[in-house]
Amino acid sequence: MIRKDVQVVYTTEQELVDFFLTQLLSDKPWEANSFGVEFNYMRGKTDIIAVSVSNELIAIEAKLYKWRIALHQAYRNRCYANKSYVLLPQKTAQLAFCYEYEFERRGVGICSILDGHITILKEAVADDPIQPWLREVALQYLAKG
């Protein structure tokens, strides 16, 4: 992770995910009471999943630059998640937000790290998952730790 003035430049996607996870403990944007990484299911591997205190399952796809790919992956995660987000560095998130209508159409939110804190630029639409059985598999994955 490299600081350029106030903006942090992540050199790897893993750095972005790791920093996000450390902030998730203190910022609590969804009041997540448990979270895990790399939930692997038939359609892909989700970078981060979390459960809120209101029992919503939240999926988060992280990318450094390719926000369109993250959007597609996050949309796909809605099959099991109540909410789905893309996690992007600040500069990429600002660019993606210019295409807010694409996120709106898919019900996907945008989050980033701003001044060292998790920031929600666009709230995801909360909905019941299309495959509730897969939601249960994700919850079991989190329970195993």
Protein backbone atom coordinates (compact mmCIF):
# COMPACT_ATOMS: atom_id res chain seq x y z
CA MET A 1 0.00 0.00 0.00
CA ILE A 2 1.45 3.35 -1.05
CA ARG A 3 0.19 6.76 0.12
CA LYS A 4 0.05 9.49 -2.52
CA ASP A 5 -0.89 12.69 -0.68
CA VAL A 6 -4.14 11.71 1.00
CA GLN A 7 -5.15 9.02 -1.48
CA VAL A 8 -3.92 5.46 -0.84
CA VAL A 9 -2.82 3.42 -3.84
CA TYR A 10 -3.21 -0.32 -3.29
CA THR A 11 -0.63 -2.39 -5.14
CA THR A 12 -2.68 -5.60 -4.93
CA GLU A 13 -6.32 -6.52 -4.58
CA GLN A 14 -5.39 -8.48 -1.45
CA GLU A 15 -4.08 -5.27 0.19
CA LEU A 16 -7.43 -3.60 -0.50
CA VAL A 17 -9.34 -6.56 0.96
CA ASP A 18 -7.07 -6.79 4.02
CA PHE A 19 -7.39 -3.08 4.80
CA PHE A 20 -11.17 -3.26 4.29
CA LEU A 21 -11.41 -6.18 6.74
CA THR A 22 -9.45 -4.32 9.43
CA GLN A 23 -11.74 -1.31 8.98
CA LEU A 24 -14.85 -3.51 9.01
CA LEU A 25 -14.14 -4.19 12.68
CA SER A 26 -14.27 -0.50 13.63
CA ASP A 27 -16.35 1.29 10.96
CA LYS A 28 -19.24 -1.21 10.98
CA PRO A 29 -21.10 0.12 7.91
CA TRP A 30 -23.54 -2.82 8.05
CA GLU A 31 -23.09 -3.67 11.73
CA ALA A 32 -21.54 -6.94 10.56
CA ASN A 33 -21.27 -9.45 13.36
CA SER A 34 -19.35 -12.02 11.33
CA PHE A 35 -17.46 -12.08 8.05
CA GLY A 36 -15.32 -14.35 5.94
CA VAL A 37 -13.25 -14.31 2.77
CA GLU A 38 -13.23 -16.22 -0.50
CA PHE A 39 -16.61 -17.91 -0.33
CA ASN A 40 -16.38 -20.40 -3.19
CA TYR A 41 -19.55 -21.49 -4.96
CA MET A 42 -20.32 -22.86 -8.43
CA ARG A 43 -20.47 -19.46 -10.15
CA GLY A 44 -17.33 -18.00 -8.63
CA LYS A 45 -15.46 -17.01 -5.50
CA THR A 46 -16.70 -13.98 -3.55
CA ASP A 47 -13.95 -11.88 -1.96
CA ILE A 48 -15.82 -11.03 1.27
CA ILE A 49 -19.12 -12.11 2.79
CA ALA A 50 -20.61 -10.71 5.99
CA VAL A 51 -23.75 -11.03 8.05
CA SER A 52 -25.34 -7.93 9.55
CA VAL A 53 -27.06 -7.79 12.93
CA SER A 54 -30.35 -7.72 10.99
CA ASN A 55 -29.30 -11.10 9.48
CA GLU A 56 -28.68 -9.77 5.96
CA LEU A 57 -26.02 -11.64 4.02
CA ILE A 58 -23.75 -9.15 2.26
CA ALA A 59 -21.39 -10.06 -0.60
CA ILE A 60 -18.47 -7.83 -1.59
CA GLU A 61 -16.35 -8.06 -4.73
CA ALA A 62 -13.03 -6.19 -4.71
CA LYS A 63 -11.16 -4.92 -7.75
CA LEU A 64 -8.41 -2.36 -8.18
CA TYR A 65 -9.39 -1.12 -11.65
CA LYS A 66 -11.83 -3.39 -13.49
CA TRP A 67 -15.05 -2.13 -11.93
CA ARG A 68 -17.22 -3.55 -14.74
CA ILE A 69 -16.01 -7.07 -13.97
CA ALA A 70 -16.62 -6.45 -10.26
CA LEU A 71 -20.14 -5.22 -11.08
CA HIS A 72 -20.87 -8.39 -13.05
CA GLN A 73 -19.53 -10.57 -10.23
CA ALA A 74 -21.46 -8.62 -7.58
CA TYR A 75 -24.66 -8.95 -9.60
CA ARG A 76 -24.10 -12.69 -9.84
CA ASN A 77 -23.65 -12.85 -6.05
CA ARG A 78 -27.21 -11.62 -5.60
CA CYS A 79 -28.29 -15.22 -6.21
CA TYR A 80 -27.40 -15.93 -2.55
CA ALA A 81 -26.84 -12.53 -0.90
CA ASN A 82 -29.39 -10.04 0.37
CA LYS A 83 -27.08 -7.18 -0.63
CA SER A 84 -24.11 -7.09 -2.94
CA TYR A 85 -21.37 -4.47 -3.31
CA VAL A 86 -18.22 -3.73 -5.26
CA LEU A 87 -15.23 -2.54 -3.26
CA LEU A 88 -12.97 -0.22 -5.21
CA PRO A 89 -10.10 2.16 -4.47
CA GLN A 90 -11.21 5.79 -4.29
CA LYS A 91 -10.22 6.82 -7.83
CA THR A 92 -11.80 3.74 -9.44
CA ALA A 93 -14.93 4.12 -7.29
CA GLN A 94 -15.37 7.72 -8.46
CA LEU A 95 -15.14 6.58 -12.08
CA ALA A 96 -17.60 3.73 -11.50
CA PHE A 97 -20.02 6.11 -9.79
CA CYS A 98 -20.25 8.03 -13.08
CA TYR A 99 -22.12 4.92 -14.31
CA GLU A 100 -24.40 4.79 -11.29
CA TYR A 101 -27.35 3.75 -13.45
CA GLU A 102 -25.59 0.43 -14.23
CA PHE A 103 -25.34 -0.30 -10.52
CA GLU A 104 -28.92 0.86 -9.95
CA ARG A 105 -30.20 -1.48 -12.68
CA ARG A 106 -28.54 -4.44 -11.01
CA GLY A 107 -29.23 -3.44 -7.41
CA VAL A 108 -25.49 -3.44 -6.62
CA GLY A 109 -23.83 -0.94 -4.29
CA ILE A 110 -20.43 0.76 -4.39
CA CYS A 111 -18.09 1.10 -1.43
CA SER A 112 -14.58 2.42 -1.07
CA ILE A 113 -12.02 3.51 1.48
CA LEU A 114 -11.93 7.28 1.99
CA ASP A 115 -9.56 8.86 4.51
CA GLY A 116 -8.95 5.44 6.04
CA HIS A 117 -12.65 4.64 6.55
CA ILE A 118 -15.21 2.54 4.69
CA THR A 119 -17.49 4.78 2.66
CA ILE A 120 -20.69 3.70 0.94
CA LEU A 121 -21.02 5.69 -2.28
CA LYS A 122 -24.11 3.82 -3.45
CA GLU A 123 -26.30 1.71 -1.21
CA ALA A 124 -27.17 -1.76 -2.52
CA VAL A 125 -30.78 -2.83 -2.88
CA ALA A 126 -31.80 -5.32 -0.19
CA ASP A 127 -33.74 -8.28 -1.53
CA ASP A 128 -34.36 -11.95 -0.87
CA PRO A 129 -31.83 -14.16 -2.66
CA ILE A 130 -32.94 -16.13 -5.70
CA GLN A 131 -31.38 -19.28 -4.24
CA PRO A 132 -32.08 -19.30 -0.49
CA TRP A 133 -30.42 -22.71 -0.15
CA LEU A 134 -27.13 -21.16 -1.32
CA ARG A 135 -27.54 -18.42 1.27
CA GLU A 136 -27.70 -21.15 3.89
CA VAL A 137 -24.48 -22.67 2.52
CA ALA A 138 -22.79 -19.25 2.82
CA LEU A 139 -24.04 -18.87 6.40
CA GLN A 140 -22.67 -22.31 7.25
CA TYR A 141 -19.33 -21.30 5.69
CA LEU A 142 -19.22 -18.28 8.02
CA ALA A 143 -20.19 -20.38 11.04
CA LYS A 144 -17.23 -22.69 10.44
CA GLY A 145 -14.94 -19.65 10.57
